[in-house]
Amino acid sequence: MAKLIVTFLFIGPAFKPGNEHPDLNTAVKHKLISYTITGNTQSSNALKPLVLNIRNLKKFPVLIDINNGLELKASDSRYQNIVVTKNEIIKLNPLEKKTIELYGKSTEPFDMPPDIRTTYTSVNIASSGFLDLAQLKLKSK
């Protein structure tokens, strides 16, 4: 009787479609998405100061969490850093691009407000004082 040898090779995504909601940093780390964040010229600095342009790099849908309290750091130190004040879950179809206005609050009142030329990067969840502010802002909506 001949021996049957079966080898399974599994090459799959870091996150199975529909099973996970990685945050922005995790999604980038696992090469699920690419993104840019810039100032929002269509909204006041106190409401939706930033615009997220996000692209799904995969051939399967992904859900991305933008967490309340996420700190976004300006590429130019003359501009305000921003803390996200409203949770967002973004669904992206395969290879889809979306533009999302982000709710946020400045952490530096004496720096310049965001503009279209200033880019932002996702850092981490903000320190406790700014996280408290983001939580308070979320409750007031």
N, C-alpha and C. Protein backbone atom coordinates (compact mmCIF):
# COMPACT_ATOMS: atom_id res chain seq x y z
N MET A 1 0.85 -1.17 0.00
CA MET A 1 0.00 0.00 0.00
C MET A 1 0.90 1.23 0.00
N ALA A 2 0.66 2.07 -0.90
CA ALA A 2 1.46 3.29 -0.99
C ALA A 2 1.10 4.24 0.13
N LYS A 3 2.12 4.88 0.63
CA LYS A 3 1.89 5.86 1.70
C LYS A 3 1.48 7.19 1.07
N LEU A 4 0.50 7.77 1.66
CA LEU A 4 0.02 9.06 1.19
C LEU A 4 0.52 10.14 2.14
N ILE A 5 1.28 11.03 1.64
CA ILE A 5 1.80 12.14 2.45
C ILE A 5 1.09 13.40 2.01
N VAL A 6 0.47 14.02 2.96
CA VAL A 6 -0.26 15.26 2.68
C VAL A 6 0.42 16.39 3.44
N THR A 7 0.75 17.40 2.73
CA THR A 7 1.37 18.58 3.34
C THR A 7 0.42 19.75 3.14
N PHE A 8 0.15 20.42 4.26
CA PHE A 8 -0.69 21.60 4.19
C PHE A 8 0.19 22.83 4.27
N LEU A 9 -0.04 23.72 3.37
CA LEU A 9 0.68 24.99 3.38
C LEU A 9 -0.37 26.08 3.50
N PHE A 10 -0.27 26.81 4.56
CA PHE A 10 -1.23 27.89 4.78
C PHE A 10 -0.50 29.21 4.70
N ILE A 11 -0.87 29.97 3.73
CA ILE A 11 -0.35 31.33 3.62
C ILE A 11 -1.57 32.22 3.59
N GLY A 12 -1.75 32.96 4.66
CA GLY A 12 -2.94 33.78 4.75
C GLY A 12 -2.63 35.14 5.31
N PRO A 13 -3.64 35.97 5.38
CA PRO A 13 -3.45 37.32 5.90
C PRO A 13 -3.19 37.29 7.40
N ALA A 14 -2.57 38.35 7.89
CA ALA A 14 -2.31 38.46 9.32
C ALA A 14 -3.62 38.51 10.09
N PHE A 15 -4.67 39.04 9.47
CA PHE A 15 -5.98 39.10 10.07
C PHE A 15 -6.97 38.48 9.11
N LYS A 16 -7.77 37.57 9.58
CA LYS A 16 -8.79 36.97 8.72
C LYS A 16 -9.89 37.99 8.48
N PRO A 17 -10.37 38.10 7.27
CA PRO A 17 -11.40 39.08 6.97
C PRO A 17 -12.61 38.93 7.88
N GLY A 18 -13.02 40.05 8.46
CA GLY A 18 -14.22 40.06 9.29
C GLY A 18 -14.03 39.59 10.72
N ASN A 19 -12.86 39.08 11.06
CA ASN A 19 -12.65 38.55 12.41
C ASN A 19 -11.98 39.53 13.36
N GLU A 20 -11.29 40.49 12.85
CA GLU A 20 -10.50 41.40 13.68
C GLU A 20 -10.82 42.85 13.34
N HIS A 21 -10.58 43.69 14.30
CA HIS A 21 -10.68 45.13 14.10
C HIS A 21 -9.38 45.75 14.57
N PRO A 22 -8.32 45.63 13.80
CA PRO A 22 -7.06 46.21 14.26
C PRO A 22 -7.15 47.73 14.32
N ASP A 23 -6.36 48.31 15.22
CA ASP A 23 -6.29 49.77 15.25
C ASP A 23 -5.39 50.24 14.10
N LEU A 24 -5.29 51.55 13.95
CA LEU A 24 -4.55 52.13 12.83
C LEU A 24 -3.10 51.66 12.81
N ASN A 25 -2.42 51.71 13.95
CA ASN A 25 -1.01 51.33 13.99
C ASN A 25 -0.81 49.84 13.67
N THR A 26 -1.67 48.99 14.20
CA THR A 26 -1.57 47.55 13.95
C THR A 26 -1.84 47.24 12.48
N ALA A 27 -2.83 47.91 11.91
CA ALA A 27 -3.15 47.70 10.49
C ALA A 27 -1.98 48.08 9.58
N VAL A 28 -1.29 49.15 9.92
CA VAL A 28 -0.11 49.55 9.14
C VAL A 28 1.02 48.54 9.34
N LYS A 29 1.23 48.15 10.58
CA LYS A 29 2.29 47.18 10.89
C LYS A 29 2.12 45.88 10.11
N HIS A 30 0.88 45.44 9.93
CA HIS A 30 0.59 44.20 9.21
C HIS A 30 0.32 44.44 7.73
N LYS A 31 0.61 45.65 7.26
CA LYS A 31 0.50 46.01 5.85
C LYS A 31 -0.90 45.76 5.28
N LEU A 32 -1.91 46.04 6.12
CA LEU A 32 -3.29 45.95 5.66
C LEU A 32 -3.73 47.22 4.95
N ILE A 33 -3.17 48.35 5.40
CA ILE A 33 -3.60 49.65 4.88
C ILE A 33 -2.40 50.58 4.69
N SER A 34 -2.65 51.65 3.96
CA SER A 34 -1.76 52.80 3.95
C SER A 34 -2.65 54.01 4.24
N TYR A 35 -2.06 55.06 4.78
CA TYR A 35 -2.88 56.24 5.09
C TYR A 35 -2.04 57.50 5.10
N THR A 36 -2.73 58.64 4.93
CA THR A 36 -2.18 59.96 5.20
C THR A 36 -3.24 60.72 5.98
N ILE A 37 -2.78 61.58 6.86
CA ILE A 37 -3.68 62.45 7.63
C ILE A 37 -3.17 63.87 7.44
N THR A 38 -4.10 64.77 7.08
CA THR A 38 -3.77 66.19 6.90
C THR A 38 -4.83 67.04 7.58
N GLY A 39 -4.58 68.34 7.63
CA GLY A 39 -5.56 69.26 8.16
C GLY A 39 -6.80 69.30 7.29
N ASN A 40 -7.93 69.60 7.92
CA ASN A 40 -9.23 69.64 7.24
C ASN A 40 -9.64 71.10 7.03
N THR A 41 -9.61 71.55 5.80
CA THR A 41 -9.99 72.93 5.49
C THR A 41 -11.51 73.11 5.45
N GLN A 42 -12.28 72.02 5.49
CA GLN A 42 -13.74 72.09 5.39
C GLN A 42 -14.44 72.12 6.75
N SER A 43 -13.68 72.09 7.85
CA SER A 43 -14.28 72.04 9.18
C SER A 43 -13.51 72.94 10.13
N SER A 44 -14.18 73.32 11.20
CA SER A 44 -13.49 74.13 12.20
C SER A 44 -12.47 73.27 12.93
N ASN A 45 -11.47 73.93 13.47
CA ASN A 45 -10.42 73.24 14.22
C ASN A 45 -10.97 72.56 15.46
N ALA A 46 -12.12 73.00 15.95
CA ALA A 46 -12.67 72.45 17.19
C ALA A 46 -13.57 71.22 16.97
N LEU A 47 -13.89 70.89 15.74
CA LEU A 47 -14.81 69.78 15.51
C LEU A 47 -14.13 68.60 14.80
N LYS A 48 -13.84 68.77 13.53
CA LYS A 48 -13.20 67.72 12.73
C LYS A 48 -11.94 68.30 12.09
N PRO A 49 -10.88 68.45 12.88
CA PRO A 49 -9.71 69.18 12.39
C PRO A 49 -8.85 68.44 11.38
N LEU A 50 -9.04 67.12 11.24
CA LEU A 50 -8.16 66.35 10.36
C LEU A 50 -8.95 65.49 9.37
N VAL A 51 -8.30 65.17 8.26
CA VAL A 51 -8.85 64.29 7.24
C VAL A 51 -7.93 63.08 7.10
N LEU A 52 -8.53 61.90 7.19
CA LEU A 52 -7.81 60.64 7.02
C LEU A 52 -8.09 60.12 5.61
N ASN A 53 -7.04 59.93 4.82
CA ASN A 53 -7.14 59.26 3.52
C ASN A 53 -6.54 57.88 3.73
N ILE A 54 -7.37 56.86 3.57
CA ILE A 54 -6.97 55.50 3.92
C ILE A 54 -7.23 54.58 2.74
N ARG A 55 -6.34 53.60 2.56
CA ARG A 55 -6.46 52.66 1.44
C ARG A 55 -6.23 51.24 1.94
N ASN A 56 -7.14 50.36 1.58
CA ASN A 56 -6.99 48.94 1.86
C ASN A 56 -5.99 48.37 0.85
N LEU A 57 -4.93 47.74 1.34
CA LEU A 57 -3.90 47.18 0.47
C LEU A 57 -4.16 45.71 0.13
N LYS A 58 -5.23 45.15 0.69
CA LYS A 58 -5.50 43.72 0.55
C LYS A 58 -6.67 43.45 -0.39
N LYS A 59 -6.77 42.20 -0.79
CA LYS A 59 -7.86 41.77 -1.68
C LYS A 59 -9.00 41.16 -0.89
N PHE A 60 -9.12 41.58 0.36
CA PHE A 60 -10.25 41.17 1.20
C PHE A 60 -10.65 42.39 2.03
N PRO A 61 -11.90 42.45 2.51
CA PRO A 61 -12.35 43.60 3.30
C PRO A 61 -11.64 43.65 4.65
N VAL A 62 -11.44 44.85 5.14
CA VAL A 62 -10.88 45.03 6.49
C VAL A 62 -11.69 46.06 7.25
N LEU A 63 -11.73 45.91 8.56
CA LEU A 63 -12.32 46.89 9.47
C LEU A 63 -11.20 47.45 10.31
N ILE A 64 -11.13 48.76 10.39
CA ILE A 64 -10.06 49.43 11.13
C ILE A 64 -10.69 50.29 12.22
N ASP A 65 -10.15 50.18 13.43
CA ASP A 65 -10.60 51.02 14.55
C ASP A 65 -9.73 52.26 14.65
N ILE A 66 -10.37 53.40 14.68
CA ILE A 66 -9.70 54.65 15.04
C ILE A 66 -10.18 54.94 16.45
N ASN A 67 -9.34 54.76 17.42
CA ASN A 67 -9.75 54.79 18.82
C ASN A 67 -9.81 56.20 19.40
N ASN A 68 -10.87 56.43 20.17
CA ASN A 68 -10.98 57.65 20.95
C ASN A 68 -9.74 57.75 21.84
N GLY A 69 -9.09 58.90 21.83
CA GLY A 69 -7.88 59.08 22.62
C GLY A 69 -6.59 58.87 21.85
N LEU A 70 -6.69 58.47 20.57
CA LEU A 70 -5.49 58.27 19.76
C LEU A 70 -4.81 59.61 19.54
N GLU A 71 -3.52 59.68 19.81
CA GLU A 71 -2.77 60.92 19.61
C GLU A 71 -2.20 60.94 18.20
N LEU A 72 -2.40 62.06 17.51
CA LEU A 72 -1.89 62.26 16.16
C LEU A 72 -0.88 63.41 16.21
N LYS A 73 0.33 63.10 15.80
CA LYS A 73 1.43 64.06 15.92
C LYS A 73 1.69 64.75 14.58
N ALA A 74 1.78 66.08 14.64
CA ALA A 74 2.05 66.88 13.44
C ALA A 74 3.49 66.68 12.98
N SER A 75 3.69 66.66 11.66
CA SER A 75 5.03 66.52 11.10
C SER A 75 5.87 67.78 11.33
N ASP A 76 5.22 68.89 11.55
CA ASP A 76 5.88 70.17 11.80
C ASP A 76 5.54 70.61 13.22
N SER A 77 6.53 70.81 14.04
CA SER A 77 6.31 71.13 15.46
C SER A 77 5.62 72.47 15.69
N ARG A 78 5.51 73.30 14.66
CA ARG A 78 4.80 74.57 14.81
C ARG A 78 3.28 74.38 14.83
N TYR A 79 2.82 73.17 14.44
CA TYR A 79 1.39 72.89 14.36
C TYR A 79 0.93 72.05 15.54
N GLN A 80 -0.35 72.17 15.84
CA GLN A 80 -0.95 71.46 16.98
C GLN A 80 -0.97 69.96 16.75
N ASN A 81 -0.67 69.22 17.81
CA ASN A 81 -0.95 67.79 17.82
C ASN A 81 -2.42 67.65 18.18
N ILE A 82 -3.04 66.55 17.76
CA ILE A 82 -4.48 66.35 17.92
C ILE A 82 -4.74 65.02 18.60
N VAL A 83 -5.76 64.99 19.47
CA VAL A 83 -6.25 63.73 20.06
C VAL A 83 -7.63 63.46 19.47
N VAL A 84 -7.81 62.24 18.98
CA VAL A 84 -9.11 61.82 18.42
C VAL A 84 -10.14 61.78 19.54
N THR A 85 -11.33 62.35 19.30
CA THR A 85 -12.36 62.43 20.34
C THR A 85 -13.60 61.59 20.04
N LYS A 86 -13.57 60.82 18.95
CA LYS A 86 -14.72 59.96 18.65
C LYS A 86 -14.21 58.68 18.00
N ASN A 87 -14.63 57.54 18.56
CA ASN A 87 -14.28 56.25 17.95
C ASN A 87 -14.87 56.17 16.55
N GLU A 88 -14.09 55.60 15.64
CA GLU A 88 -14.56 55.35 14.28
C GLU A 88 -14.20 53.91 13.93
N ILE A 89 -15.11 53.19 13.32
CA ILE A 89 -14.80 51.89 12.73
C ILE A 89 -14.98 52.07 11.23
N ILE A 90 -13.90 51.86 10.52
CA ILE A 90 -13.90 52.10 9.08
C ILE A 90 -13.87 50.76 8.35
N LYS A 91 -14.88 50.55 7.51
CA LYS A 91 -14.91 49.33 6.70
C LYS A 91 -14.38 49.67 5.32
N LEU A 92 -13.39 48.91 4.90
CA LEU A 92 -12.80 49.09 3.58
C LEU A 92 -12.96 47.80 2.77
N ASN A 93 -13.56 47.92 1.62
CA ASN A 93 -13.65 46.79 0.70
C ASN A 93 -12.28 46.54 0.09
N PRO A 94 -12.11 45.42 -0.59
CA PRO A 94 -10.80 45.13 -1.19
C PRO A 94 -10.28 46.29 -2.04
N LEU A 95 -9.06 46.72 -1.72
CA LEU A 95 -8.34 47.77 -2.44
C LEU A 95 -9.04 49.13 -2.45
N GLU A 96 -10.04 49.30 -1.61
CA GLU A 96 -10.81 50.55 -1.57
C GLU A 96 -10.03 51.68 -0.91
N LYS A 97 -10.30 52.90 -1.38
CA LYS A 97 -9.77 54.13 -0.78
C LYS A 97 -10.95 54.90 -0.21
N LYS A 98 -10.75 55.52 0.97
CA LYS A 98 -11.78 56.35 1.57
C LYS A 98 -11.15 57.60 2.17
N THR A 99 -11.98 58.63 2.28
CA THR A 99 -11.60 59.86 2.96
C THR A 99 -12.58 60.06 4.11
N ILE A 100 -12.04 60.21 5.33
CA ILE A 100 -12.85 60.33 6.54
C ILE A 100 -12.41 61.57 7.31
N GLU A 101 -13.38 62.39 7.71
CA GLU A 101 -13.07 63.51 8.61
C GLU A 101 -13.01 62.96 10.03
N LEU A 102 -11.95 63.29 10.76
CA LEU A 102 -11.78 62.79 12.12
C LEU A 102 -12.15 63.85 13.16
N TYR A 103 -12.95 63.44 14.14
CA TYR A 103 -13.22 64.31 15.28
C TYR A 103 -11.97 64.38 16.13
N GLY A 104 -11.63 65.56 16.60
CA GLY A 104 -10.42 65.68 17.41
C GLY A 104 -10.36 66.98 18.17
N LYS A 105 -9.39 67.04 19.06
CA LYS A 105 -9.16 68.22 19.90
C LYS A 105 -7.65 68.46 19.98
N SER A 106 -7.27 69.71 19.88
CA SER A 106 -5.87 70.08 19.96
C SER A 106 -5.32 69.84 21.37
N THR A 107 -4.06 69.44 21.43
CA THR A 107 -3.39 69.29 22.72
C THR A 107 -2.42 70.43 22.99
N GLU A 108 -2.32 71.35 22.01
CA GLU A 108 -1.37 72.46 22.13
C GLU A 108 -2.03 73.76 21.67
N PRO A 109 -2.64 74.48 22.60
CA PRO A 109 -3.44 75.65 22.21
C PRO A 109 -2.63 76.80 21.61
N PHE A 110 -1.32 76.85 21.81
CA PHE A 110 -0.55 77.99 21.33
C PHE A 110 0.15 77.72 20.00
N ASP A 111 0.06 76.50 19.49
CA ASP A 111 0.62 76.19 18.17
C ASP A 111 -0.43 76.49 17.10
N MET A 112 -0.01 76.47 15.85
CA MET A 112 -0.92 76.76 14.74
C MET A 112 -1.89 75.60 14.53
N PRO A 113 -3.12 75.89 14.09
CA PRO A 113 -4.07 74.82 13.80
C PRO A 113 -3.65 74.05 12.55
N PRO A 114 -4.16 72.84 12.39
CA PRO A 114 -3.80 72.02 11.23
C PRO A 114 -4.15 72.72 9.92
N ASP A 115 -3.33 72.45 8.90
CA ASP A 115 -3.67 72.90 7.55
C ASP A 115 -3.42 71.77 6.57
N ILE A 116 -3.78 71.98 5.35
CA ILE A 116 -3.73 70.93 4.32
C ILE A 116 -2.31 70.45 4.04
N ARG A 117 -1.31 71.29 4.31
CA ARG A 117 0.08 70.92 4.01
C ARG A 117 0.76 70.14 5.13
N THR A 118 0.17 70.16 6.32
CA THR A 118 0.78 69.47 7.46
C THR A 118 0.24 68.05 7.54
N THR A 119 1.15 67.09 7.60
CA THR A 119 0.74 65.70 7.73
C THR A 119 0.86 65.26 9.19
N TYR A 120 0.12 64.22 9.52
CA TYR A 120 0.08 63.70 10.89
C TYR A 120 0.35 62.21 10.88
N THR A 121 0.97 61.75 11.96
CA THR A 121 1.18 60.32 12.14
C THR A 121 0.52 59.87 13.44
N SER A 122 0.06 58.64 13.41
CA SER A 122 -0.56 58.04 14.58
C SER A 122 0.54 57.66 15.56
N VAL A 123 0.38 58.08 16.81
CA VAL A 123 1.42 57.79 17.81
C VAL A 123 0.93 56.64 18.69
N ASN A 124 0.20 56.94 19.72
CA ASN A 124 -0.35 55.97 20.66
C ASN A 124 -1.59 56.57 21.27
N ILE A 125 -2.17 55.85 22.20
CA ILE A 125 -3.25 56.45 22.98
C ILE A 125 -2.62 57.54 23.84
N ALA A 126 -3.28 58.67 23.92
CA ALA A 126 -2.74 59.86 24.59
C ALA A 126 -2.51 59.61 26.08
N SER A 127 -1.69 60.46 26.68
CA SER A 127 -1.45 60.40 28.12
C SER A 127 -2.77 60.64 28.85
N SER A 128 -2.81 60.30 30.11
CA SER A 128 -4.07 60.28 30.87
C SER A 128 -4.84 61.59 30.83
N GLY A 129 -4.17 62.73 30.93
CA GLY A 129 -4.88 64.01 30.91
C GLY A 129 -5.61 64.25 29.61
N PHE A 130 -4.95 63.98 28.48
CA PHE A 130 -5.58 64.17 27.18
C PHE A 130 -6.59 63.08 26.89
N LEU A 131 -6.35 61.88 27.40
CA LEU A 131 -7.33 60.81 27.24
C LEU A 131 -8.61 61.15 27.99
N ASP A 132 -8.48 61.71 29.19
CA ASP A 132 -9.65 62.16 29.95
C ASP A 132 -10.43 63.20 29.15
N LEU A 133 -9.72 64.13 28.53
CA LEU A 133 -10.35 65.17 27.71
C LEU A 133 -11.12 64.53 26.55
N ALA A 134 -10.51 63.56 25.89
CA ALA A 134 -11.17 62.89 24.77
C ALA A 134 -12.41 62.13 25.24
N GLN A 135 -12.32 61.48 26.39
CA GLN A 135 -13.47 60.76 26.94
C GLN A 135 -14.60 61.73 27.28
N LEU A 136 -14.25 62.87 27.89
CA LEU A 136 -15.23 63.88 28.24
C LEU A 136 -15.91 64.43 26.99
N LYS A 137 -15.13 64.70 25.95
CA LYS A 137 -15.66 65.22 24.70
C LYS A 137 -16.62 64.20 24.08
N LEU A 138 -16.27 62.92 24.16
CA LEU A 138 -17.12 61.87 23.61
C LEU A 138 -18.46 61.80 24.35
N LYS A 139 -18.43 61.94 25.68
CA LYS A 139 -19.66 61.88 26.48
C LYS A 139 -20.57 63.06 26.20
N SER A 140 -19.99 64.21 25.83
CA SER A 140 -20.80 65.40 25.63
C SER A 140 -21.53 65.39 24.29
N LYS A 141 -21.23 64.44 23.42
CA LYS A 141 -21.88 64.40 22.09
C LYS A 141 -23.18 63.65 22.14
